Amino acid sequence: MKRYLPLLLVAFLFIVVLLCSSVYLSSYAGKADSGNINSISVYTDLPVEQIEFLASAFEEDQKVKINIIPLSSQNLVDRLKTEKTGGSGDVVIADSNVLNQLKKEQLLMPYVSEITDIVPMRFQDQDNAWTGLWYDPVVFAANQDFLKTLPQQPVKWADLAKDNKWRLVITDFLAAEASANLFYSMIAVNGEQQTMDYFRQLHPSIVQYAKYLATPVRMAALGEADIAIAVHSEAMRYIHNKFPIQIIYPEEGTAYLLTGAAVLNTAAHSQEAKQFVDWLLQDHAQLVLKQTGYFFVTTNPEAAAYRDDGAKNIKLFENKTAFLPAQQRQMLDRWVQSVRLNAAKNTGK
């Protein structure tokens, strides 16, 4: 037995070396594969968690990793302007107003595909600099029990001002961009004086100017208000959770915020970036949004989500007026003075 011991020892050492080599090589191969996975960097002013859900799904679908760079709208514009000649970003997902600013700075790469071409022109840039992905219209979110007491449902903006006994709630124009956008859009369509008169007439019925977009729908759902002037996504979220809310789309049209995507001129991975933009318009992306509680209206009329949302019944304001930030501040100041504060003195609110 002793004479075989050296041979056994050599064999044992050989097996140990072989196992260690296999582990090392497999580890190295794993690192090499990880490093070779394609990736793109996405600038966005949207909530990080919203993009993270989409990024994870895209990586699983397409094997392309998404690096998210979240910034406020103004910081996003400022950052990309500084990286004009050589940045690290590939895609930007943001509000259409932000995308228009980036286009003016010549930071976006025109892009059109069979998928983006389906999107109606009102939801995309005329020069193909960016494409709208989804939008969030302002709606009437009415308590169902309240609606049962009415001989006729309110279907127009003017209907909300007919009965001061109705309890209305709206997000303060100073508190959220989506609410302020309703104010700007009405001014663009009807003029400032008529819009101010309308909200002055509405004021006695408003039980609260909320600080958050979710609050109006919550109050209507719990019977603390009769009708909420709210964004579609929040109303749908409460409906999805079985609250007694009914959505009414104003017949004359309504304001909306549009979110879009664009490929940056400096994109180092332009093919993957274009692939991501196309994917965001398709059914899987829309399904991911809904499964995670984001109920926007897709801009793609061929998507299943478009038919589910009844998007064909949503009439949107037709206006091309874009007010400068300074003009917006001035209009909000006049609203505070002539409507909010002045009306409050007269009604005791």
Protein backbone atom coordinates (compact mmCIF):
# COMPACT_ATOMS: atom_id res chain seq x y z
CA MET A 1 0.00 0.00 0.00
CA LYS A 2 2.85 2.33 0.88
CA ARG A 3 4.37 2.04 -2.56
CA TYR A 4 1.09 3.34 -4.07
CA LEU A 5 0.87 6.32 -1.69
CA PRO A 6 2.98 8.72 -3.83
CA LEU A 7 0.84 7.90 -6.86
CA LEU A 8 -2.35 8.53 -4.93
CA LEU A 9 -0.95 11.84 -3.63
CA VAL A 10 -0.01 12.96 -7.13
CA ALA A 11 -3.46 12.00 -8.39
CA PHE A 12 -5.12 13.91 -5.55
CA LEU A 13 -3.06 17.04 -6.23
CA PHE A 14 -3.88 16.78 -9.93
CA ILE A 15 -7.62 16.64 -9.18
CA VAL A 16 -7.35 19.66 -6.83
CA VAL A 17 -5.50 21.69 -9.47
CA LEU A 18 -8.04 20.69 -12.10
CA LEU A 19 -10.99 21.73 -9.92
CA CYS A 20 -9.40 25.07 -9.01
CA SER A 21 -8.67 25.79 -12.66
CA SER A 22 -12.27 25.01 -13.63
CA VAL A 23 -13.66 27.31 -10.94
CA TYR A 24 -11.30 30.11 -11.95
CA LEU A 25 -12.05 29.76 -15.65
CA SER A 26 -15.81 29.65 -15.11
CA SER A 27 -15.57 32.71 -12.85
CA TYR A 28 -13.51 34.55 -15.43
CA ALA A 29 -15.91 33.58 -18.20
CA GLY A 30 -18.83 34.87 -16.13
CA LYS A 31 -17.09 38.21 -15.63
CA ALA A 32 -16.25 38.45 -19.29
CA ASP A 33 -19.85 37.73 -20.28
CA SER A 34 -21.10 40.30 -17.74
CA GLY A 35 -18.80 42.92 -19.16
CA ASN A 36 -19.96 42.18 -22.68
CA ILE A 37 -23.66 42.70 -21.92
CA ASN A 38 -24.85 45.73 -23.90
CA SER A 39 -25.95 48.70 -21.85
CA ILE A 40 -27.41 52.16 -22.41
CA SER A 41 -27.68 55.21 -20.15
CA VAL A 42 -31.08 56.87 -19.80
CA TYR A 43 -31.62 60.42 -18.53
CA THR A 44 -35.08 61.01 -17.10
CA ASP A 45 -37.15 63.41 -15.00
CA LEU A 46 -39.67 60.67 -14.16
CA PRO A 47 -39.86 58.90 -10.77
CA VAL A 48 -36.96 56.45 -10.49
CA GLU A 49 -39.16 53.53 -9.46
CA GLN A 50 -41.25 53.92 -12.61
CA ILE A 51 -38.21 53.69 -14.87
CA GLU A 52 -36.67 50.88 -12.81
CA PHE A 53 -39.67 48.64 -13.50
CA LEU A 54 -39.40 49.32 -17.23
CA ALA A 55 -35.62 48.94 -17.24
CA SER A 56 -35.79 45.53 -15.55
CA ALA A 57 -38.38 44.28 -18.01
CA PHE A 58 -36.40 45.56 -21.01
CA GLU A 59 -33.19 43.95 -19.77
CA GLU A 60 -35.02 40.64 -19.37
CA ASP A 61 -36.60 40.94 -22.83
CA GLN A 62 -33.71 42.30 -24.85
CA LYS A 63 -30.60 41.54 -22.75
CA VAL A 64 -29.65 45.22 -22.69
CA LYS A 65 -28.89 46.80 -19.33
CA ILE A 66 -30.32 50.24 -18.50
CA ASN A 67 -28.31 52.71 -16.44
CA ILE A 68 -30.78 55.27 -15.04
CA ILE A 69 -29.72 58.88 -14.46
CA PRO A 70 -32.61 60.66 -12.66
CA LEU A 71 -32.66 64.47 -12.63
CA SER A 72 -35.18 67.27 -12.23
CA SER A 73 -36.43 68.74 -15.51
CA GLN A 74 -34.23 71.85 -15.35
CA ASN A 75 -31.17 69.93 -14.15
CA LEU A 76 -31.66 67.44 -16.96
CA VAL A 77 -31.63 70.19 -19.57
CA ASP A 78 -28.63 71.91 -17.96
CA ARG A 79 -26.70 68.64 -17.70
CA LEU A 80 -27.23 67.66 -21.32
CA LYS A 81 -26.29 71.13 -22.53
CA THR A 82 -22.92 70.75 -20.80
CA GLU A 83 -22.45 67.33 -22.43
CA LYS A 84 -23.32 68.60 -25.88
CA THR A 85 -20.01 67.59 -27.45
CA GLY A 86 -19.49 64.29 -25.70
CA GLY A 87 -21.81 62.98 -23.06
CA SER A 88 -22.40 59.51 -21.71
CA GLY A 89 -26.16 59.34 -22.28
CA ASP A 90 -28.03 57.46 -24.98
CA VAL A 91 -31.73 58.09 -24.34
CA VAL A 92 -33.82 60.73 -22.59
CA ILE A 93 -37.34 60.11 -21.29
CA ALA A 94 -39.10 63.27 -20.16
CA ASP A 95 -42.05 65.62 -20.48
CA SER A 96 -42.63 66.89 -24.02
CA ASN A 97 -41.78 70.45 -22.95
CA VAL A 98 -38.35 69.27 -21.80
CA LEU A 99 -37.83 67.36 -25.03
CA ASN A 100 -38.68 70.47 -27.05
CA GLN A 101 -36.04 72.42 -25.11
CA LEU A 102 -33.47 69.72 -25.91
CA LYS A 103 -34.47 69.84 -29.57
CA LYS A 104 -33.88 73.60 -29.67
CA GLU A 105 -30.39 72.96 -28.31
CA GLN A 106 -29.85 70.43 -31.14
CA LEU A 107 -29.20 67.63 -28.66
CA LEU A 108 -31.53 65.01 -30.15
CA MET A 109 -31.00 62.52 -32.97
CA PRO A 110 -33.96 62.32 -35.37
CA TYR A 111 -35.36 58.81 -35.39
CA VAL A 112 -38.30 57.11 -37.07
CA SER A 113 -39.21 53.44 -37.29
CA GLU A 114 -42.22 51.34 -38.28
CA ILE A 115 -43.33 51.52 -34.64
CA THR A 116 -42.82 55.23 -33.96
CA ASP A 117 -44.47 56.04 -37.28
CA ILE A 118 -47.75 54.59 -35.95
CA VAL A 119 -47.96 57.29 -33.26
CA PRO A 120 -50.31 60.15 -34.27
CA MET A 121 -48.55 63.37 -35.24
CA ARG A 122 -50.02 65.31 -32.30
CA PHE A 123 -47.96 63.06 -29.99
CA GLN A 124 -44.60 63.40 -31.71
CA ASP A 125 -42.17 66.00 -32.95
CA GLN A 126 -42.76 67.03 -36.55
CA ASP A 127 -39.04 66.53 -37.32
CA ASN A 128 -38.89 63.13 -35.59
CA ALA A 129 -36.65 64.47 -32.83
CA TRP A 130 -38.76 62.72 -30.18
CA THR A 131 -41.78 60.45 -29.92
CA GLY A 132 -44.56 60.56 -27.34
CA LEU A 133 -44.96 57.35 -25.34
CA TRP A 134 -47.98 57.98 -23.11
CA TYR A 135 -50.07 60.86 -21.79
CA ASP A 136 -52.05 61.68 -18.66
CA PRO A 137 -55.24 63.70 -19.29
CA VAL A 138 -57.21 65.65 -16.68
CA VAL A 139 -60.64 64.10 -16.06
CA PHE A 140 -63.64 64.32 -13.76
CA ALA A 141 -63.31 61.54 -11.18
CA ALA A 142 -66.79 61.36 -9.66
CA ASN A 143 -68.05 59.45 -6.66
CA GLN A 144 -70.46 56.82 -7.98
CA ASP A 145 -72.97 57.24 -5.16
CA PHE A 146 -73.07 60.99 -5.84
CA LEU A 147 -73.71 60.41 -9.54
CA LYS A 148 -76.74 58.27 -8.70
CA THR A 149 -78.38 61.31 -7.09
CA LEU A 150 -78.15 63.41 -10.26
CA PRO A 151 -80.75 63.54 -13.03
CA GLN A 152 -77.92 64.08 -15.50
CA GLN A 153 -74.16 63.57 -15.21
CA PRO A 154 -71.78 66.51 -15.70
CA VAL A 155 -70.04 66.06 -19.03
CA LYS A 156 -68.70 69.57 -19.69
CA TRP A 157 -66.43 71.95 -17.82
CA ALA A 158 -69.32 74.41 -17.61
CA ASP A 159 -71.44 71.78 -15.84
CA LEU A 160 -69.16 71.87 -12.80
CA ALA A 161 -70.01 75.52 -12.19
CA LYS A 162 -73.80 75.12 -12.42
CA ASP A 163 -74.45 73.95 -8.86
CA ASN A 164 -72.50 75.43 -5.95
CA LYS A 165 -73.79 72.64 -3.70
CA TRP A 166 -71.49 70.15 -5.38
CA ARG A 167 -68.27 69.52 -3.47
CA LEU A 168 -65.30 69.78 -5.81
CA VAL A 169 -61.61 69.23 -5.16
CA ILE A 170 -58.59 70.02 -7.33
CA THR A 171 -54.84 70.00 -6.91
CA ASP A 172 -53.49 73.50 -6.36
CA PHE A 173 -52.01 74.98 -9.53
CA LEU A 174 -48.95 75.95 -7.51
CA ALA A 175 -48.41 72.40 -6.25
CA ALA A 176 -48.19 70.19 -9.33
CA GLU A 177 -47.21 70.61 -12.97
CA ALA A 178 -50.15 68.54 -14.23
CA SER A 179 -52.63 70.81 -12.44
CA ALA A 180 -50.90 73.99 -13.57
CA ASN A 181 -50.91 72.64 -17.12
CA LEU A 182 -54.72 72.52 -17.00
CA PHE A 183 -54.71 76.22 -16.13
CA TYR A 184 -52.27 77.13 -18.93
CA SER A 185 -54.15 74.99 -21.47
CA MET A 186 -57.48 76.61 -20.65
CA ILE A 187 -55.93 80.03 -21.08
CA ALA A 188 -54.50 78.98 -24.44
CA VAL A 189 -57.92 77.74 -25.59
CA ASN A 190 -60.30 80.24 -23.98
CA GLY A 191 -58.18 83.28 -23.14
CA GLU A 192 -57.02 84.46 -19.73
CA GLN A 193 -60.06 86.52 -18.74
CA GLN A 194 -62.57 83.76 -19.50
CA THR A 195 -60.41 81.20 -17.68
CA MET A 196 -60.06 83.42 -14.61
CA ASP A 197 -63.82 84.01 -14.59
CA TYR A 198 -64.44 80.27 -14.80
CA PHE A 199 -62.24 79.39 -11.82
CA ARG A 200 -63.65 82.32 -9.88
CA GLN A 201 -67.12 80.87 -10.47
CA LEU A 202 -65.89 77.40 -9.48
CA HIS A 203 -64.20 78.53 -6.27
CA PRO A 204 -67.24 78.41 -3.91
CA SER A 205 -67.67 74.71 -4.70
CA ILE A 206 -64.04 73.77 -4.10
CA VAL A 207 -63.65 72.16 -0.68
CA GLN A 208 -59.88 71.81 -0.97
CA TYR A 209 -56.95 72.88 -3.11
CA ALA A 210 -54.84 69.76 -2.59
CA LYS A 211 -51.06 69.59 -2.45
CA TYR A 212 -50.74 66.23 -4.22
CA LEU A 213 -52.23 64.76 -7.40
CA ALA A 214 -53.58 61.72 -5.56
CA THR A 215 -55.53 63.68 -2.93
CA PRO A 216 -58.54 64.79 -5.06
CA VAL A 217 -59.30 61.23 -6.18
CA ARG A 218 -58.86 59.87 -2.67
CA MET A 219 -61.34 62.42 -1.32
CA ALA A 220 -63.91 61.60 -4.00
CA ALA A 221 -63.41 57.87 -3.45
CA LEU A 222 -64.04 58.22 0.29
CA GLY A 223 -67.06 60.49 -0.13
CA GLU A 224 -65.25 63.58 1.20
CA ALA A 225 -65.90 65.28 -2.14
CA ASP A 226 -68.37 64.67 -4.96
CA ILE A 227 -66.16 65.26 -7.97
CA ALA A 228 -62.39 65.45 -8.28
CA ILE A 229 -60.71 67.35 -11.09
CA ALA A 230 -57.80 64.96 -11.37
CA VAL A 231 -55.33 63.18 -13.62
CA HIS A 232 -56.46 60.01 -15.37
CA SER A 233 -53.65 57.87 -13.91
CA GLU A 234 -54.69 58.51 -10.31
CA ALA A 235 -58.37 57.95 -11.04
CA MET A 236 -57.56 54.64 -12.76
CA ARG A 237 -55.39 53.55 -9.84
CA TYR A 238 -58.32 53.96 -7.43
CA ILE A 239 -60.70 52.22 -9.81
CA HIS A 240 -58.20 49.35 -10.10
CA ASN A 241 -58.27 49.09 -6.30
CA LYS A 242 -62.09 48.79 -6.35
CA PHE A 243 -62.99 52.27 -5.07
CA PRO A 244 -66.37 53.75 -6.17
CA ILE A 245 -65.00 56.17 -8.76
CA GLN A 246 -66.27 56.84 -12.27
CA ILE A 247 -64.21 58.67 -14.85
CA ILE A 248 -65.89 61.28 -17.06
CA TYR A 249 -63.96 62.74 -19.99
CA PRO A 250 -64.95 66.39 -20.61
CA GLU A 251 -66.76 66.72 -23.93
CA GLU A 252 -65.07 69.99 -24.91
CA GLY A 253 -61.64 68.49 -24.46
CA THR A 254 -59.08 68.46 -21.70
CA ALA A 255 -55.46 69.20 -20.87
CA TYR A 256 -52.80 66.51 -20.67
CA LEU A 257 -49.12 65.97 -19.94
CA LEU A 258 -47.24 64.02 -22.60
CA THR A 259 -44.17 61.89 -21.81
CA GLY A 260 -41.84 61.06 -24.68
CA ALA A 261 -38.49 59.52 -25.52
CA ALA A 262 -35.61 60.57 -27.74
CA VAL A 263 -32.19 59.33 -28.76
CA LEU A 264 -29.35 61.71 -27.89
CA ASN A 265 -26.94 62.93 -30.56
CA THR A 266 -24.03 61.76 -28.43
CA ALA A 267 -25.42 58.23 -28.00
CA ALA A 268 -22.58 55.71 -27.98
CA HIS A 269 -25.08 52.85 -28.32
CA SER A 270 -27.57 54.31 -30.76
CA GLN A 271 -28.90 50.96 -32.01
CA GLU A 272 -29.76 49.78 -28.50
CA ALA A 273 -31.18 53.24 -27.74
CA LYS A 274 -33.54 53.06 -30.72
CA GLN A 275 -34.46 49.53 -29.72
CA PHE A 276 -35.46 50.81 -26.27
CA VAL A 277 -37.61 53.62 -27.70
CA ASP A 278 -39.48 51.14 -29.91
CA TRP A 279 -39.93 48.71 -27.00
CA LEU A 280 -41.46 51.43 -24.78
CA LEU A 281 -44.30 51.83 -27.27
CA GLN A 282 -45.22 48.15 -27.31
CA ASP A 283 -47.57 46.03 -25.24
CA HIS A 284 -45.08 44.58 -22.75
CA ALA A 285 -43.98 48.02 -21.59
CA GLN A 286 -47.58 49.15 -21.16
CA LEU A 287 -48.37 45.97 -19.23
CA VAL A 288 -45.42 46.57 -16.90
CA LEU A 289 -46.66 50.10 -16.18
CA LYS A 290 -50.16 48.93 -15.32
CA GLN A 291 -48.95 46.02 -13.21
CA THR A 292 -46.89 48.46 -11.15
CA GLY A 293 -49.69 51.00 -10.67
CA TYR A 294 -49.02 53.51 -13.47
CA PHE A 295 -52.17 53.94 -15.54
CA PHE A 296 -51.23 56.25 -18.39
CA VAL A 297 -52.80 56.35 -21.85
CA THR A 298 -50.54 54.95 -24.55
CA THR A 299 -49.96 56.96 -27.72
CA ASN A 300 -49.75 53.77 -29.80
CA PRO A 301 -53.23 53.19 -31.32
CA GLU A 302 -52.30 49.60 -32.20
CA ALA A 303 -51.42 48.62 -28.62
CA ALA A 304 -53.88 46.50 -26.64
CA ALA A 305 -53.74 49.09 -23.83
CA TYR A 306 -55.10 51.76 -26.18
CA ARG A 307 -58.29 49.79 -26.71
CA ASP A 308 -58.55 48.92 -23.02
CA ASP A 309 -58.38 52.59 -21.98
CA GLY A 310 -61.08 53.66 -24.39
CA ALA A 311 -58.62 56.27 -25.62
CA LYS A 312 -60.71 56.98 -28.70
CA ASN A 313 -63.30 58.69 -26.48
CA ILE A 314 -60.81 61.14 -24.96
CA LYS A 315 -60.97 64.53 -26.61
CA LEU A 316 -57.87 66.64 -26.00
CA PHE A 317 -57.48 70.39 -26.20
CA GLU A 318 -56.17 71.50 -29.57
CA ASN A 319 -53.75 74.31 -28.85
CA LYS A 320 -50.26 75.11 -30.00
CA THR A 321 -49.58 77.90 -27.53
CA ALA A 322 -46.51 77.35 -25.37
CA PHE A 323 -46.10 79.95 -22.64
CA LEU A 324 -42.62 80.86 -21.45
CA PRO A 325 -41.79 80.15 -17.79
CA ALA A 326 -41.94 83.87 -16.97
CA GLN A 327 -45.42 84.12 -18.53
CA GLN A 328 -46.59 81.09 -16.57
CA ARG A 329 -45.41 82.61 -13.28
CA GLN A 330 -47.21 85.86 -14.06
CA MET A 331 -50.47 84.05 -14.88
CA LEU A 332 -50.26 82.01 -11.68
CA ASP A 333 -49.64 85.19 -9.68
CA ARG A 334 -52.74 86.77 -11.20
CA TRP A 335 -54.77 83.63 -10.42
CA VAL A 336 -53.66 83.72 -6.78
CA GLN A 337 -54.56 87.38 -6.43
CA SER A 338 -57.77 87.59 -8.45
CA VAL A 339 -59.23 84.12 -7.85
CA ARG A 340 -57.76 82.24 -4.94
CA LEU A 341 -57.26 85.07 -2.44
CA ASN A 342 -59.94 87.42 -3.69
CA ALA A 343 -62.58 84.72 -3.89
CA ALA A 344 -61.51 83.41 -0.49
CA LYS A 345 -62.27 86.80 1.07
CA ASN A 346 -65.72 86.84 -0.50
CA THR A 347 -66.64 83.28 0.47
CA GLY A 348 -64.87 83.01 3.80
CA LYS A 349 -62.56 80.19 2.59
